[in-house]
Amino acid sequence: MNVSSSSRVGVLGVGKIASAVVRGLSRTQPAPSIVISPRNLERSAALAAELANVEVAASNQAVLDESQVVLLALRPNDVAPALATLEFRANHEVVSFVPTWRYEVTLERIHPATALSRATPLPPCAGHYGAILGYRLEGERRRLLAGLGSIVDVRQESHLHYLWALSGLITPLYAVMSELADWTVDAGVSRETAEQYIAEMVGALCAAKRDAPEQSLASLAQEAATPGGLNEGAHGQLSSMSVYSAFRRALDDMLPRFGEAAPHRANGD
């Protein structure tokens, strides 16, 4: 693939998020030329074999040399040693997907480049689903990621961190759905039927909120809780068992990694 660096996207890292972004970008029309790092050569080679617009660079520095927009998708512990060996250009545009690296810290490490954004793509972006939080997401960086999902702009970096922490509940949320499926399967329902119904039900509930943005999640929960009904009973039981509070505590425990303090409840509790 013989493409100038001015029209190429470089990706540092080939983990789950990076791979999802590469697949999502490759589904846009026209798909950009993408050069990816050889960090995990087996995974990089597999992506390049799967996608005609993707090439594997000889090194991380080659990713920078051959691209204009650079997507930083390394694990937090790997960022410092990787950036210490790299030379950025002043005209590079950089988007960091690293959750625990603040804007100013990253900016210092990519000098002389000054065009920096932070963003939070999630695995479903491979299929152009879901929202992407954006902090200072502008210009070509914004145009590039806009094809992957709905961009939600966040003006304060601390707010970005609180919202980003929510992505740490993906596994627990899937686990809750899996537990519901297991319960249904124990009653004799096929797993395929149970999981399909649960996925469709949860998807429909999320769609109801998207279609009525003016309606709060709390009001939707209240509407579903018919007096004396199944939902009211289940909600009361789970509340008494502090199930919802456990999710909040899990979020609180993530915040030190972002350098943030746990928020106080709005009602003062």
C-alpha atoms as a PDB file:
ATOM      1  CA  MET A   1       0.000   0.000   0.000  1.00  0.00           C
ATOM      2  CA  ASN A   2       1.669   3.187  -1.176  1.00  0.00           C
ATOM      3  CA  VAL A   3      -0.016   6.012   0.732  1.00  0.00           C
ATOM      4  CA  SER A   4       1.390   9.316   1.986  1.00  0.00           C
ATOM      5  CA  SER A   5       1.637   9.874   5.737  1.00  0.00           C
ATOM      6  CA  SER A   6      -0.657  12.918   5.463  1.00  0.00           C
ATOM      7  CA  SER A   7      -3.674  10.666   4.863  1.00  0.00           C
ATOM      8  CA  ARG A   8      -2.817   7.762   7.141  1.00  0.00           C
ATOM      9  CA  VAL A   9      -3.961   6.798  10.606  1.00  0.00           C
ATOM     10  CA  GLY A  10      -1.414   5.260  12.953  1.00  0.00           C
ATOM     11  CA  VAL A  11      -2.402   3.050  15.889  1.00  0.00           C
ATOM     12  CA  LEU A  12      -0.074   2.380  18.814  1.00  0.00           C
ATOM     13  CA  GLY A  13      -1.319  -0.741  20.568  1.00  0.00           C
ATOM     14  CA  VAL A  14      -3.329  -3.695  19.301  1.00  0.00           C
ATOM     15  CA  GLY A  15      -5.438  -4.658  22.316  1.00  0.00           C
ATOM     16  CA  LYS A  16      -9.219  -5.069  22.378  1.00  0.00           C
ATOM     17  CA  ILE A  17     -10.018  -1.365  22.065  1.00  0.00           C
ATOM     18  CA  ALA A  18      -7.414  -0.719  19.366  1.00  0.00           C
ATOM     19  CA  SER A  19      -8.605  -3.733  17.375  1.00  0.00           C
ATOM     20  CA  ALA A  20     -12.234  -2.608  17.666  1.00  0.00           C
ATOM     21  CA  VAL A  21     -11.332   0.903  16.488  1.00  0.00           C
ATOM     22  CA  VAL A  22      -9.339  -0.450  13.541  1.00  0.00           C
ATOM     23  CA  ARG A  23     -12.257  -2.655  12.497  1.00  0.00           C
ATOM     24  CA  GLY A  24     -14.724   0.194  12.950  1.00  0.00           C
ATOM     25  CA  LEU A  25     -12.633   2.633  10.901  1.00  0.00           C
ATOM     26  CA  SER A  26     -12.220  -0.014   8.221  1.00  0.00           C
ATOM     27  CA  ARG A  27     -16.013  -0.175   7.860  1.00  0.00           C
ATOM     28  CA  THR A  28     -16.331   3.548   7.152  1.00  0.00           C
ATOM     29  CA  GLN A  29     -16.565   4.792   3.575  1.00  0.00           C
ATOM     30  CA  PRO A  30     -14.031   5.525   2.332  1.00  0.00           C
ATOM     31  CA  ALA A  31     -11.947   3.508   4.763  1.00  0.00           C
ATOM     32  CA  PRO A  32      -8.729   5.266   5.808  1.00  0.00           C
ATOM     33  CA  SER A  33      -5.326   3.727   5.311  1.00  0.00           C
ATOM     34  CA  ILE A  34      -4.200   2.444   8.720  1.00  0.00           C
ATOM     35  CA  VAL A  35      -0.764   1.465   9.952  1.00  0.00           C
ATOM     36  CA  ILE A  36      -0.590  -0.457  13.228  1.00  0.00           C
ATOM     37  CA  SER A  37       2.212  -1.233  15.633  1.00  0.00           C
ATOM     38  CA  PRO A  38       3.853  -4.667  15.716  1.00  0.00           C
ATOM     39  CA  ARG A  39       3.494  -4.754  19.500  1.00  0.00           C
ATOM     40  CA  ASN A  40       1.624  -8.063  19.410  1.00  0.00           C
ATOM     41  CA  LEU A  41       2.790  -9.338  16.051  1.00  0.00           C
ATOM     42  CA  GLU A  42       0.356 -12.244  15.889  1.00  0.00           C
ATOM     43  CA  ARG A  43      -2.643 -10.000  16.520  1.00  0.00           C
ATOM     44  CA  SER A  44      -1.315  -7.237  14.251  1.00  0.00           C
ATOM     45  CA  ALA A  45      -0.709  -9.686  11.413  1.00  0.00           C
ATOM     46  CA  ALA A  46      -4.216 -11.111  11.833  1.00  0.00           C
ATOM     47  CA  LEU A  47      -5.770  -7.635  11.545  1.00  0.00           C
ATOM     48  CA  ALA A  48      -3.704  -6.861   8.452  1.00  0.00           C
ATOM     49  CA  ALA A  49      -4.731 -10.168   6.881  1.00  0.00           C
ATOM     50  CA  GLU A  50      -8.388  -9.463   7.672  1.00  0.00           C
ATOM     51  CA  LEU A  51      -8.489  -5.842   6.485  1.00  0.00           C
ATOM     52  CA  ALA A  52      -7.106  -4.684   3.134  1.00  0.00           C
ATOM     53  CA  ASN A  53      -6.561  -1.090   4.331  1.00  0.00           C
ATOM     54  CA  VAL A  54      -4.347  -2.115   7.270  1.00  0.00           C
ATOM     55  CA  GLU A  55      -0.581  -2.607   7.336  1.00  0.00           C
ATOM     56  CA  VAL A  56       1.795  -3.577  10.133  1.00  0.00           C
ATOM     57  CA  ALA A  57       4.657  -1.136  10.696  1.00  0.00           C
ATOM     58  CA  ALA A  58       8.199  -2.280  11.366  1.00  0.00           C
ATOM     59  CA  SER A  59       8.235  -0.485  14.740  1.00  0.00           C
ATOM     60  CA  ASN A  60       6.297   1.948  16.913  1.00  0.00           C
ATOM     61  CA  GLN A  61       8.407   4.788  15.527  1.00  0.00           C
ATOM     62  CA  ALA A  62       7.506   3.697  12.007  1.00  0.00           C
ATOM     63  CA  VAL A  63       3.831   4.053  12.956  1.00  0.00           C
ATOM     64  CA  LEU A  64       4.481   7.731  13.735  1.00  0.00           C
ATOM     65  CA  ASP A  65       6.672   8.282  10.688  1.00  0.00           C
ATOM     66  CA  GLU A  66       4.014   6.895   8.355  1.00  0.00           C
ATOM     67  CA  SER A  67       0.920   8.603   9.783  1.00  0.00           C
ATOM     68  CA  GLN A  68      -0.702  11.963  10.438  1.00  0.00           C
ATOM     69  CA  VAL A  69      -3.301  11.079  13.077  1.00  0.00           C
ATOM     70  CA  VAL A  70      -1.946   8.850  15.847  1.00  0.00           C
ATOM     71  CA  LEU A  71      -4.265   6.835  18.093  1.00  0.00           C
ATOM     72  CA  LEU A  72      -2.622   6.047  21.422  1.00  0.00           C
ATOM     73  CA  ALA A  73      -4.168   2.786  22.619  1.00  0.00           C
ATOM     74  CA  LEU A  74      -1.528   1.312  24.906  1.00  0.00           C
ATOM     75  CA  ARG A  75      -2.145  -0.103  28.365  1.00  0.00           C
ATOM     76  CA  PRO A  76      -1.536   2.545  31.059  1.00  0.00           C
ATOM     77  CA  ASN A  77       1.576   0.825  32.414  1.00  0.00           C
ATOM     78  CA  ASP A  78       3.083   0.614  28.927  1.00  0.00           C
ATOM     79  CA  VAL A  79       2.607   4.255  27.924  1.00  0.00           C
ATOM     80  CA  ALA A  80       5.599   5.842  29.665  1.00  0.00           C
ATOM     81  CA  PRO A  81       8.263   3.413  28.396  1.00  0.00           C
ATOM     82  CA  ALA A  82       6.786   3.459  24.892  1.00  0.00           C
ATOM     83  CA  LEU A  83       6.574   7.252  24.587  1.00  0.00           C
ATOM     84  CA  ALA A  84      10.084   7.674  25.990  1.00  0.00           C
ATOM     85  CA  THR A  85      11.494   6.073  22.841  1.00  0.00           C
ATOM     86  CA  LEU A  86       9.307   7.850  20.268  1.00  0.00           C
ATOM     87  CA  GLU A  87       9.751  11.102  18.340  1.00  0.00           C
ATOM     88  CA  PHE A  88       6.577  12.919  17.368  1.00  0.00           C
ATOM     89  CA  ARG A  89       6.292  15.596  14.685  1.00  0.00           C
ATOM     90  CA  ALA A  90       4.901  19.046  15.386  1.00  0.00           C
ATOM     91  CA  ASN A  91       2.061  18.415  12.924  1.00  0.00           C
ATOM     92  CA  HIS A  92       0.967  15.102  14.418  1.00  0.00           C
ATOM     93  CA  GLU A  93      -2.616  14.900  15.691  1.00  0.00           C
ATOM     94  CA  VAL A  94      -2.933  12.540  18.644  1.00  0.00           C
ATOM     95  CA  VAL A  95      -5.945  10.907  20.293  1.00  0.00           C
ATOM     96  CA  SER A  96      -5.308   9.128  23.586  1.00  0.00           C
ATOM     97  CA  PHE A  97      -7.522   6.213  24.587  1.00  0.00           C
ATOM     98  CA  VAL A  98      -5.544   5.723  27.816  1.00  0.00           C
ATOM     99  CA  PRO A  99      -7.953   6.138  30.756  1.00  0.00           C
ATOM    100  CA  THR A 100      -5.545   7.125  33.528  1.00  0.00           C
ATOM    101  CA  TRP A 101      -3.203   9.483  31.675  1.00  0.00           C
ATOM    102  CA  ARG A 102      -4.275  13.098  32.072  1.00  0.00           C
ATOM    103  CA  TYR A 103      -4.244  15.530  29.173  1.00  0.00           C
ATOM    104  CA  GLU A 104      -1.338  17.689  30.365  1.00  0.00           C
ATOM    105  CA  VAL A 105       0.848  14.684  31.215  1.00  0.00           C
ATOM    106  CA  THR A 106       0.300  13.155  27.790  1.00  0.00           C
ATOM    107  CA  LEU A 107       0.879  16.507  26.084  1.00  0.00           C
ATOM    108  CA  GLU A 108       4.315  16.766  27.684  1.00  0.00           C
ATOM    109  CA  ARG A 109       5.265  13.312  26.414  1.00  0.00           C
ATOM    110  CA  ILE A 110       4.269  13.925  22.766  1.00  0.00           C
ATOM    111  CA  HIS A 111       6.168  17.215  22.318  1.00  0.00           C
ATOM    112  CA  PRO A 112       6.487  18.933  19.849  1.00  0.00           C
ATOM    113  CA  ALA A 113       2.979  17.799  18.831  1.00  0.00           C
ATOM    114  CA  THR A 114       0.271  20.008  20.354  1.00  0.00           C
ATOM    115  CA  ALA A 115      -2.965  18.699  18.800  1.00  0.00           C
ATOM    116  CA  LEU A 116      -4.183  16.261  21.456  1.00  0.00           C
ATOM    117  CA  SER A 117      -7.576  14.809  22.343  1.00  0.00           C
ATOM    118  CA  ARG A 118      -8.816  12.150  24.724  1.00  0.00           C
ATOM    119  CA  ALA A 119     -11.577   9.730  23.753  1.00  0.00           C
ATOM    120  CA  THR A 120     -13.229   6.572  25.070  1.00  0.00           C
ATOM    121  CA  PRO A 121     -14.243   4.164  22.317  1.00  0.00           C
ATOM    122  CA  LEU A 122     -15.717   0.882  23.544  1.00  0.00           C
ATOM    123  CA  PRO A 123     -15.574  -2.538  21.829  1.00  0.00           C
ATOM    124  CA  PRO A 124     -18.988  -2.120  20.091  1.00  0.00           C
ATOM    125  CA  CYS A 125     -17.485   0.734  18.041  1.00  0.00           C
ATOM    126  CA  ALA A 126     -16.273  -2.016  15.703  1.00  0.00           C
ATOM    127  CA  GLY A 127     -19.881  -2.159  14.507  1.00  0.00           C
ATOM    128  CA  HIS A 128     -20.441   1.614  14.841  1.00  0.00           C
ATOM    129  CA  TYR A 129     -22.548   1.197  17.993  1.00  0.00           C
ATOM    130  CA  GLY A 130     -22.587   3.261  21.154  1.00  0.00           C
ATOM    131  CA  ALA A 131     -21.213   6.552  22.381  1.00  0.00           C
ATOM    132  CA  ILE A 132     -17.661   7.875  22.446  1.00  0.00           C
ATOM    133  CA  LEU A 133     -16.727  10.391  25.112  1.00  0.00           C
ATOM    134  CA  GLY A 134     -14.578  13.153  23.668  1.00  0.00           C
ATOM    135  CA  TYR A 135     -12.370  15.667  25.476  1.00  0.00           C
ATOM    136  CA  ARG A 136     -10.985  18.421  23.221  1.00  0.00           C
ATOM    137  CA  LEU A 137     -11.924  16.270  20.259  1.00  0.00           C
ATOM    138  CA  GLU A 138     -11.537  18.576  17.270  1.00  0.00           C
ATOM    139  CA  GLY A 139     -10.643  18.756  13.590  1.00  0.00           C
ATOM    140  CA  GLU A 140      -9.517  15.632  11.786  1.00  0.00           C
ATOM    141  CA  ARG A 141      -9.487  13.711  15.065  1.00  0.00           C
ATOM    142  CA  ARG A 142     -13.198  14.359  15.536  1.00  0.00           C
ATOM    143  CA  ARG A 143     -14.082  13.615  11.930  1.00  0.00           C
ATOM    144  CA  LEU A 144     -12.242  10.316  12.130  1.00  0.00           C
ATOM    145  CA  LEU A 145     -13.963   9.039  15.281  1.00  0.00           C
ATOM    146  CA  ALA A 146     -17.408  10.389  14.388  1.00  0.00           C
ATOM    147  CA  GLY A 147     -17.896   7.408  12.105  1.00  0.00           C
ATOM    148  CA  LEU A 148     -17.543   4.973  15.000  1.00  0.00           C
ATOM    149  CA  GLY A 149     -20.502   6.120  17.104  1.00  0.00           C
ATOM    150  CA  SER A 150     -22.176   9.109  18.727  1.00  0.00           C
ATOM    151  CA  ILE A 151     -19.669  11.592  20.139  1.00  0.00           C
ATOM    152  CA  VAL A 152     -20.509  12.951  23.589  1.00  0.00           C
ATOM    153  CA  ASP A 153     -18.399  16.022  24.342  1.00  0.00           C
ATOM    154  CA  VAL A 154     -17.104  16.450  27.887  1.00  0.00           C
ATOM    155  CA  ARG A 155     -15.765  19.890  28.852  1.00  0.00           C
ATOM    156  CA  GLN A 156     -14.071  19.059  32.164  1.00  0.00           C
ATOM    157  CA  GLU A 157     -11.400  16.389  32.389  1.00  0.00           C
ATOM    158  CA  SER A 158     -12.574  15.286  35.840  1.00  0.00           C
ATOM    159  CA  HIS A 159     -16.042  14.654  34.403  1.00  0.00           C
ATOM    160  CA  LEU A 160     -14.427  12.570  31.673  1.00  0.00           C
ATOM    161  CA  HIS A 161     -12.881  10.386  34.375  1.00  0.00           C
ATOM    162  CA  TYR A 162     -16.165   9.818  36.223  1.00  0.00           C
ATOM    163  CA  LEU A 163     -17.882   8.856  32.988  1.00  0.00           C
ATOM    164  CA  TRP A 164     -14.930   6.747  31.873  1.00  0.00           C
ATOM    165  CA  ALA A 165     -15.116   4.774  35.118  1.00  0.00           C
ATOM    166  CA  LEU A 166     -18.544   3.528  34.032  1.00  0.00           C
ATOM    167  CA  SER A 167     -16.837   1.456  31.344  1.00  0.00           C
ATOM    168  CA  GLY A 168     -15.332  -0.540  34.206  1.00  0.00           C
ATOM    169  CA  LEU A 169     -18.790  -2.012  34.759  1.00  0.00           C
ATOM    170  CA  ILE A 170     -19.050  -3.693  31.360  1.00  0.00           C
ATOM    171  CA  THR A 171     -18.054  -7.081  32.772  1.00  0.00           C
ATOM    172  CA  PRO A 172     -20.390  -6.801  35.805  1.00  0.00           C
ATOM    173  CA  LEU A 173     -23.293  -5.782  33.573  1.00  0.00           C
ATOM    174  CA  TYR A 174     -22.720  -8.706  31.243  1.00  0.00           C
ATOM    175  CA  ALA A 175     -22.366 -10.929  34.316  1.00  0.00           C
ATOM    176  CA  VAL A 176     -25.771  -9.774  35.595  1.00  0.00           C
ATOM    177  CA  MET A 177     -27.309 -10.633  32.225  1.00  0.00           C
ATOM    178  CA  SER A 178     -25.550 -14.005  32.282  1.00  0.00           C
ATOM    179  CA  GLU A 179     -26.900 -14.730  35.772  1.00  0.00           C
ATOM    180  CA  LEU A 180     -30.426 -13.966  34.546  1.00  0.00           C
ATOM    181  CA  ALA A 181     -29.898 -16.325  31.625  1.00  0.00           C
ATOM    182  CA  ASP A 182     -28.557 -19.056  33.938  1.00  0.00           C
ATOM    183  CA  TRP A 183     -31.650 -18.762  36.143  1.00  0.00           C
ATOM    184  CA  THR A 184     -33.892 -19.148  33.100  1.00  0.00           C
ATOM    185  CA  VAL A 185     -31.873 -22.085  31.758  1.00  0.00           C
ATOM    186  CA  ASP A 186     -32.172 -23.794  35.164  1.00  0.00           C
ATOM    187  CA  ALA A 187     -35.933 -23.680  34.608  1.00  0.00           C
ATOM    188  CA  GLY A 188     -35.568 -25.576  31.328  1.00  0.00           C
ATOM    189  CA  VAL A 189     -35.464 -22.731  28.795  1.00  0.00           C
ATOM    190  CA  SER A 190     -32.797 -23.071  26.101  1.00  0.00           C
ATOM    191  CA  ARG A 191     -29.772 -20.817  26.591  1.00  0.00           C
ATOM    192  CA  GLU A 192     -30.117 -19.451  23.061  1.00  0.00           C
ATOM    193  CA  THR A 193     -33.700 -18.357  23.738  1.00  0.00           C
ATOM    194  CA  ALA A 194     -32.885 -16.908  27.158  1.00  0.00           C
ATOM    195  CA  GLU A 195     -29.872 -14.913  26.011  1.00  0.00           C
ATOM    196  CA  GLN A 196     -31.629 -13.620  22.901  1.00  0.00           C
ATOM    197  CA  TYR A 197     -34.613 -12.427  24.927  1.00  0.00           C
ATOM    198  CA  ILE A 198     -32.462 -10.781  27.613  1.00  0.00           C
ATOM    199  CA  ALA A 199     -30.315  -8.991  25.030  1.00  0.00           C
ATOM    200  CA  GLU A 200     -33.396  -7.759  23.158  1.00  0.00           C
ATOM    201  CA  MET A 201     -35.115  -6.673  26.380  1.00  0.00           C
ATOM    202  CA  VAL A 202     -32.101  -4.697  27.602  1.00  0.00           C
ATOM    203  CA  GLY A 203     -31.614  -3.195  24.140  1.00  0.00           C
ATOM    204  CA  ALA A 204     -35.259  -2.100  24.027  1.00  0.00           C
ATOM    205  CA  LEU A 205     -35.028  -0.478  27.474  1.00  0.00           C
ATOM    206  CA  CYS A 206     -31.944   1.463  26.367  1.00  0.00           C
ATOM    207  CA  ALA A 207     -33.710   2.493  23.154  1.00  0.00           C
ATOM    208  CA  ALA A 208     -36.640   3.827  25.187  1.00  0.00           C
ATOM    209  CA  LYS A 209     -34.269   6.182  27.002  1.00  0.00           C
ATOM    210  CA  ARG A 210     -32.579   7.273  23.763  1.00  0.00           C
ATOM    211  CA  ASP A 211     -35.974   8.032  22.222  1.00  0.00           C
ATOM    212  CA  ALA A 212     -37.013  10.134  25.241  1.00  0.00           C
ATOM    213  CA  PRO A 213     -33.855  12.019  26.287  1.00  0.00           C
ATOM    214  CA  GLU A 214     -35.890  14.427  28.392  1.00  0.00           C
ATOM    215  CA  GLN A 215     -37.073  11.590  30.640  1.00  0.00           C
ATOM    216  CA  SER A 216     -34.752  10.600  33.483  1.00  0.00           C
ATOM    217  CA  LEU A 217     -33.680   7.037  34.154  1.00  0.00           C
ATOM    218  CA  ALA A 218     -35.212   7.325  37.622  1.00  0.00           C
ATOM    219  CA  SER A 219     -38.599   8.244  36.152  1.00  0.00           C
ATOM    220  CA  LEU A 220     -38.441   5.323  33.721  1.00  0.00           C
ATOM    221  CA  ALA A 221     -37.739   3.003  36.653  1.00  0.00           C
ATOM    222  CA  GLN A 222     -40.661   4.475  38.582  1.00  0.00           C
ATOM    223  CA  GLU A 223     -43.023   4.105  35.620  1.00  0.00           C
ATOM    224  CA  ALA A 224     -42.166   0.412  35.326  1.00  0.00           C
ATOM    225  CA  ALA A 225     -42.805  -0.204  39.037  1.00  0.00           C
ATOM    226  CA  THR A 226     -46.546  -0.849  39.009  1.00  0.00           C
ATOM    227  CA  PRO A 227     -47.862  -0.804  42.611  1.00  0.00           C
ATOM    228  CA  GLY A 228     -47.949  -4.363  43.870  1.00  0.00           C
ATOM    229  CA  GLY A 229     -46.346  -5.602  40.656  1.00  0.00           C
ATOM    230  CA  LEU A 230     -43.287  -7.684  39.872  1.00  0.00           C
ATOM    231  CA  ASN A 231     -40.972  -4.740  39.238  1.00  0.00           C
ATOM    232  CA  GLU A 232     -41.881  -2.928  42.441  1.00  0.00           C
ATOM    233  CA  GLY A 233     -41.258  -6.092  44.449  1.00  0.00           C
ATOM    234  CA  ALA A 234     -37.923  -6.882  42.815  1.00  0.00           C
ATOM    235  CA  HIS A 235     -36.730  -3.281  43.132  1.00  0.00           C
ATOM    236  CA  GLY A 236     -37.570  -3.208  46.832  1.00  0.00           C
ATOM    237  CA  GLN A 237     -35.805  -6.505  47.480  1.00  0.00           C
ATOM    238  CA  LEU A 238     -32.637  -5.506  45.602  1.00  0.00           C
ATOM    239  CA  SER A 239     -32.594  -2.114  47.327  1.00  0.00           C
ATOM    240  CA  SER A 240     -32.859  -3.727  50.764  1.00  0.00           C
ATOM    241  CA  MET A 241     -29.912  -5.969  49.854  1.00  0.00           C
ATOM    242  CA  SER A 242     -27.822  -2.906  48.852  1.00  0.00           C
ATOM    243  CA  VAL A 243     -27.289  -4.326  45.362  1.00  0.00           C
ATOM    244  CA  TYR A 244     -27.399  -0.899  43.710  1.00  0.00           C
ATOM    245  CA  SER A 245     -25.066   0.584  46.305  1.00  0.00           C
ATOM    246  CA  ALA A 246     -22.550  -2.156  45.526  1.00  0.00           C
ATOM    247  CA  PHE A 247     -22.237  -0.820  41.989  1.00  0.00           C
ATOM    248  CA  ARG A 248     -21.585   2.643  43.382  1.00  0.00           C
ATOM    249  CA  ARG A 249     -18.898   1.300  45.718  1.00  0.00           C
ATOM    250  CA  ALA A 250     -17.210  -0.465  42.811  1.00  0.00           C
ATOM    251  CA  LEU A 251     -17.097   2.843  40.930  1.00  0.00           C
ATOM    252  CA  ASP A 252     -15.715   4.651  43.979  1.00  0.00           C
ATOM    253  CA  ASP A 253     -12.911   2.102  44.193  1.00  0.00           C
ATOM    254  CA  MET A 254     -11.872   2.799  40.589  1.00  0.00           C
ATOM    255  CA  LEU A 255     -11.443   6.540  41.054  1.00  0.00           C
ATOM    256  CA  PRO A 256      -7.965   6.607  42.648  1.00  0.00           C
ATOM    257  CA  ARG A 257      -6.618   5.234  39.370  1.00  0.00           C
ATOM    258  CA  PHE A 258      -7.938   8.387  37.709  1.00  0.00           C
ATOM    259  CA  GLY A 259      -6.718  10.636  40.515  1.00  0.00           C
ATOM    260  CA  GLU A 260     -10.287  11.562  41.451  1.00  0.00           C
ATOM    261  CA  ALA A 261     -12.265  11.456  44.702  1.00  0.00           C
ATOM    262  CA  ALA A 262     -15.558   9.643  45.153  1.00  0.00           C
ATOM    263  CA  PRO A 263     -18.552  11.945  44.577  1.00  0.00           C
ATOM    264  CA  HIS A 264     -20.970  12.773  47.389  1.00  0.00           C
ATOM    265  CA  ARG A 265     -24.568  11.688  46.966  1.00  0.00           C
ATOM    266  CA  ALA A 266     -26.770  14.510  45.735  1.00  0.00           C
ATOM    267  CA  ASN A 267     -29.238  13.877  48.578  1.00  0.00           C
ATOM    268  CA  GLY A 268     -26.471  14.221  51.167  1.00  0.00           C
ATOM    269  CA  ASP A 269     -26.487  10.558  52.262  1.00  0.00           C
END
